[in-house]
Amino acid sequence: MNLDIQLQEGPQRNVVLLSGEVDVYTASKLKETLNPLAEQENKELVVDLSGIDYIDSTGLGIFIGALKTTEKSNSTLKLIGLNERVKKLFEITGLNEVIDIQANDAREDA
C-alpha cells in the first residue's frame, strides 16, 4: 500500500495528514517530509494518523527521529487521530510516554 502525505503549514504549527501505511517501503517518503518540518525552530509539528491503519518498526523509528529533531530545535511533536490498533503499538513500545499522543482528532487549524 502507498502512503499519502498532505501538509498544512502555518506560522506556529505544521500539520501533516497521513493516510495509508507507514512501513519499510514508505518510511523514506515520510522521513523526507517530517525531517525539514522538525528542524523548524519554535514550532509545533502535528502528525494526524487518523488515516493510518498500519505502522511497522521502521515507521516507529521515523517518529523517534522526528521527536529528537524537534527537541533540538526547541519545537514539539504531537501525534493525533490514532486508531486503537496504532495507539496500542505506541503503548506496547512505550513511545506513548515520550511522544505527545492523542487518540482522538484534536487537530487545530494550522
C-alpha atoms as a PDB file:
ATOM      1  CA  MET A   1       0.000   0.000   0.000  1.00  0.00           C
ATOM      2  CA  ASN A   2       1.040   3.586  -0.515  1.00  0.00           C
ATOM      3  CA  LEU A   3       1.393   6.467   1.866  1.00  0.00           C
ATOM      4  CA  ASP A   4      -0.390   9.726   1.098  1.00  0.00           C
ATOM      5  CA  ILE A   5       1.021  12.836   2.768  1.00  0.00           C
ATOM      6  CA  GLN A   6      -0.682  16.209   2.889  1.00  0.00           C
ATOM      7  CA  LEU A   7       0.881  19.225   4.541  1.00  0.00           C
ATOM      8  CA  GLN A   8      -0.772  22.256   6.089  1.00  0.00           C
ATOM      9  CA  GLU A   9       1.863  24.829   7.003  1.00  0.00           C
ATOM     10  CA  GLY A  10       1.165  27.649   9.411  1.00  0.00           C
ATOM     11  CA  PRO A  11       3.124  30.301  11.289  1.00  0.00           C
ATOM     12  CA  GLN A  12       3.015  28.483  14.644  1.00  0.00           C
ATOM     13  CA  ARG A  13       2.118  24.921  13.637  1.00  0.00           C
ATOM     14  CA  ASN A  14       2.634  22.498  10.782  1.00  0.00           C
ATOM     15  CA  VAL A  15       0.089  19.718  10.362  1.00  0.00           C
ATOM     16  CA  VAL A  16       0.944  16.565   8.415  1.00  0.00           C
ATOM     17  CA  LEU A  17      -2.048  14.442   7.387  1.00  0.00           C
ATOM     18  CA  LEU A  18      -1.193  10.827   6.656  1.00  0.00           C
ATOM     19  CA  SER A  19      -3.206   8.037   5.089  1.00  0.00           C
ATOM     20  CA  GLY A  20      -2.177   4.527   4.096  1.00  0.00           C
ATOM     21  CA  GLU A  21       0.592   2.525   5.724  1.00  0.00           C
ATOM     22  CA  VAL A  22       3.907   3.513   7.300  1.00  0.00           C
ATOM     23  CA  ASP A  23       6.332   0.679   6.672  1.00  0.00           C
ATOM     24  CA  VAL A  24       9.775  -0.063   5.298  1.00  0.00           C
ATOM     25  CA  TYR A  25       8.573   0.825   1.779  1.00  0.00           C
ATOM     26  CA  THR A  26       7.018   4.199   2.653  1.00  0.00           C
ATOM     27  CA  ALA A  27       9.196   5.303   5.583  1.00  0.00           C
ATOM     28  CA  SER A  28      11.692   7.240   3.458  1.00  0.00           C
ATOM     29  CA  LYS A  29       8.872   9.340   1.983  1.00  0.00           C
ATOM     30  CA  LEU A  30       7.643  10.153   5.499  1.00  0.00           C
ATOM     31  CA  LYS A  31      11.156  10.921   6.737  1.00  0.00           C
ATOM     32  CA  GLU A  32      11.756  13.308   3.822  1.00  0.00           C
ATOM     33  CA  THR A  33       8.601  15.184   4.834  1.00  0.00           C
ATOM     34  CA  LEU A  34       8.998  15.209   8.621  1.00  0.00           C
ATOM     35  CA  ASN A  35      12.707  15.998   8.996  1.00  0.00           C
ATOM     36  CA  PRO A  36      12.664  19.520   7.481  1.00  0.00           C
ATOM     37  CA  LEU A  37       9.496  20.331   9.454  1.00  0.00           C
ATOM     38  CA  ALA A  38      11.008  19.030  12.699  1.00  0.00           C
ATOM     39  CA  GLU A  39      14.082  21.215  12.138  1.00  0.00           C
ATOM     40  CA  GLN A  40      11.991  24.417  12.108  1.00  0.00           C
ATOM     41  CA  GLU A  41      12.589  26.256  15.362  1.00  0.00           C
ATOM     42  CA  ASN A  42       9.881  27.012  17.925  1.00  0.00           C
ATOM     43  CA  LYS A  43       7.050  25.322  16.049  1.00  0.00           C
ATOM     44  CA  GLU A  44       4.553  22.627  16.809  1.00  0.00           C
ATOM     45  CA  LEU A  45       4.605  19.656  14.461  1.00  0.00           C
ATOM     46  CA  VAL A  46       1.286  17.797  14.482  1.00  0.00           C
ATOM     47  CA  VAL A  47       1.009  14.478  12.656  1.00  0.00           C
ATOM     48  CA  ASP A  48      -2.545  13.299  12.038  1.00  0.00           C
ATOM     49  CA  LEU A  49      -2.560   9.496  11.875  1.00  0.00           C
ATOM     50  CA  SER A  50      -6.330   9.081  11.519  1.00  0.00           C
ATOM     51  CA  GLY A  51      -5.841   7.650   8.014  1.00  0.00           C
ATOM     52  CA  ILE A  52      -3.124   5.183   9.083  1.00  0.00           C
ATOM     53  CA  ASP A  53      -4.003   1.529   9.614  1.00  0.00           C
ATOM     54  CA  TYR A  54      -0.519   0.067   9.999  1.00  0.00           C
ATOM     55  CA  ILE A  55       2.906   1.167  11.249  1.00  0.00           C
ATOM     56  CA  ASP A  56       5.936  -1.118  11.420  1.00  0.00           C
ATOM     57  CA  SER A  57       9.160  -0.703  13.386  1.00  0.00           C
ATOM     58  CA  THR A  58      10.725   1.363  10.601  1.00  0.00           C
ATOM     59  CA  GLY A  59       7.860   3.814  10.888  1.00  0.00           C
ATOM     60  CA  LEU A  60       8.248   3.995  14.655  1.00  0.00           C
ATOM     61  CA  GLY A  61      11.896   4.855  14.112  1.00  0.00           C
ATOM     62  CA  ILE A  62      10.902   7.780  11.893  1.00  0.00           C
ATOM     63  CA  PHE A  63       8.754   9.218  14.693  1.00  0.00           C
ATOM     64  CA  ILE A  64      11.569   8.749  17.234  1.00  0.00           C
ATOM     65  CA  GLY A  65      13.935  10.606  14.901  1.00  0.00           C
ATOM     66  CA  ALA A  66      11.409  13.412  14.406  1.00  0.00           C
ATOM     67  CA  LEU A  67      10.986  13.696  18.185  1.00  0.00           C
ATOM     68  CA  LYS A  68      14.741  14.040  18.714  1.00  0.00           C
ATOM     69  CA  THR A  69      14.955  16.655  15.961  1.00  0.00           C
ATOM     70  CA  THR A  70      12.083  18.719  17.382  1.00  0.00           C
ATOM     71  CA  GLU A  71      13.732  18.672  20.792  1.00  0.00           C
ATOM     72  CA  LYS A  72      16.951  20.057  19.269  1.00  0.00           C
ATOM     73  CA  SER A  73      15.038  22.830  17.507  1.00  0.00           C
ATOM     74  CA  ASN A  74      13.024  23.792  20.602  1.00  0.00           C
ATOM     75  CA  SER A  75       9.840  22.569  18.943  1.00  0.00           C
ATOM     76  CA  THR A  76       7.230  19.955  19.812  1.00  0.00           C
ATOM     77  CA  LEU A  77       5.853  16.828  18.153  1.00  0.00           C
ATOM     78  CA  LYS A  78       2.271  15.711  18.665  1.00  0.00           C
ATOM     79  CA  LEU A  79       0.577  12.661  17.144  1.00  0.00           C
ATOM     80  CA  ILE A  80      -3.207  12.775  16.833  1.00  0.00           C
ATOM     81  CA  GLY A  81      -6.012  10.651  15.436  1.00  0.00           C
ATOM     82  CA  LEU A  82      -4.533   7.260  16.310  1.00  0.00           C
ATOM     83  CA  ASN A  83      -6.902   4.343  15.936  1.00  0.00           C
ATOM     84  CA  GLU A  84      -6.891   1.685  18.675  1.00  0.00           C
ATOM     85  CA  ARG A  85      -4.504  -0.620  16.792  1.00  0.00           C
ATOM     86  CA  VAL A  86      -1.899   2.092  16.182  1.00  0.00           C
ATOM     87  CA  LYS A  87      -2.315   3.521  19.688  1.00  0.00           C
ATOM     88  CA  LYS A  88      -1.708   0.056  21.144  1.00  0.00           C
ATOM     89  CA  LEU A  89       1.570  -0.197  19.203  1.00  0.00           C
ATOM     90  CA  PHE A  90       2.819   3.046  20.748  1.00  0.00           C
ATOM     91  CA  GLU A  91       1.750   1.815  24.202  1.00  0.00           C
ATOM     92  CA  ILE A  92       3.456  -1.585  23.822  1.00  0.00           C
ATOM     93  CA  THR A  93       6.726   0.071  22.783  1.00  0.00           C
ATOM     94  CA  GLY A  94       6.465   2.725  25.498  1.00  0.00           C
ATOM     95  CA  LEU A  95       6.634   5.556  22.976  1.00  0.00           C
ATOM     96  CA  ASN A  96       3.386   6.968  24.328  1.00  0.00           C
ATOM     97  CA  GLU A  97       5.438   8.026  27.361  1.00  0.00           C
ATOM     98  CA  VAL A  98       7.855  10.192  25.341  1.00  0.00           C
ATOM     99  CA  ILE A  99       5.707  11.399  22.437  1.00  0.00           C
ATOM    100  CA  ASP A 100       2.590  13.516  22.958  1.00  0.00           C
ATOM    101  CA  ILE A 101      -0.174  11.228  21.648  1.00  0.00           C
ATOM    102  CA  GLN A 102      -3.878  11.934  21.397  1.00  0.00           C
ATOM    103  CA  ALA A 103      -6.094   9.165  20.061  1.00  0.00           C
ATOM    104  CA  ASN A 104      -8.965  11.424  19.046  1.00  0.00           C
ATOM    105  CA  ASP A 105      -8.734  14.023  16.305  1.00  0.00           C
ATOM    106  CA  ALA A 106      -7.521  17.100  18.184  1.00  0.00           C
ATOM    107  CA  ARG A 107      -6.239  18.870  15.076  1.00  0.00           C
ATOM    108  CA  GLU A 108      -6.480  22.620  15.057  1.00  0.00           C
ATOM    109  CA  ASP A 109      -6.227  24.837  12.024  1.00  0.00           C
ATOM    110  CA  ALA A 110      -2.610  25.461  11.145  1.00  0.00           C
END
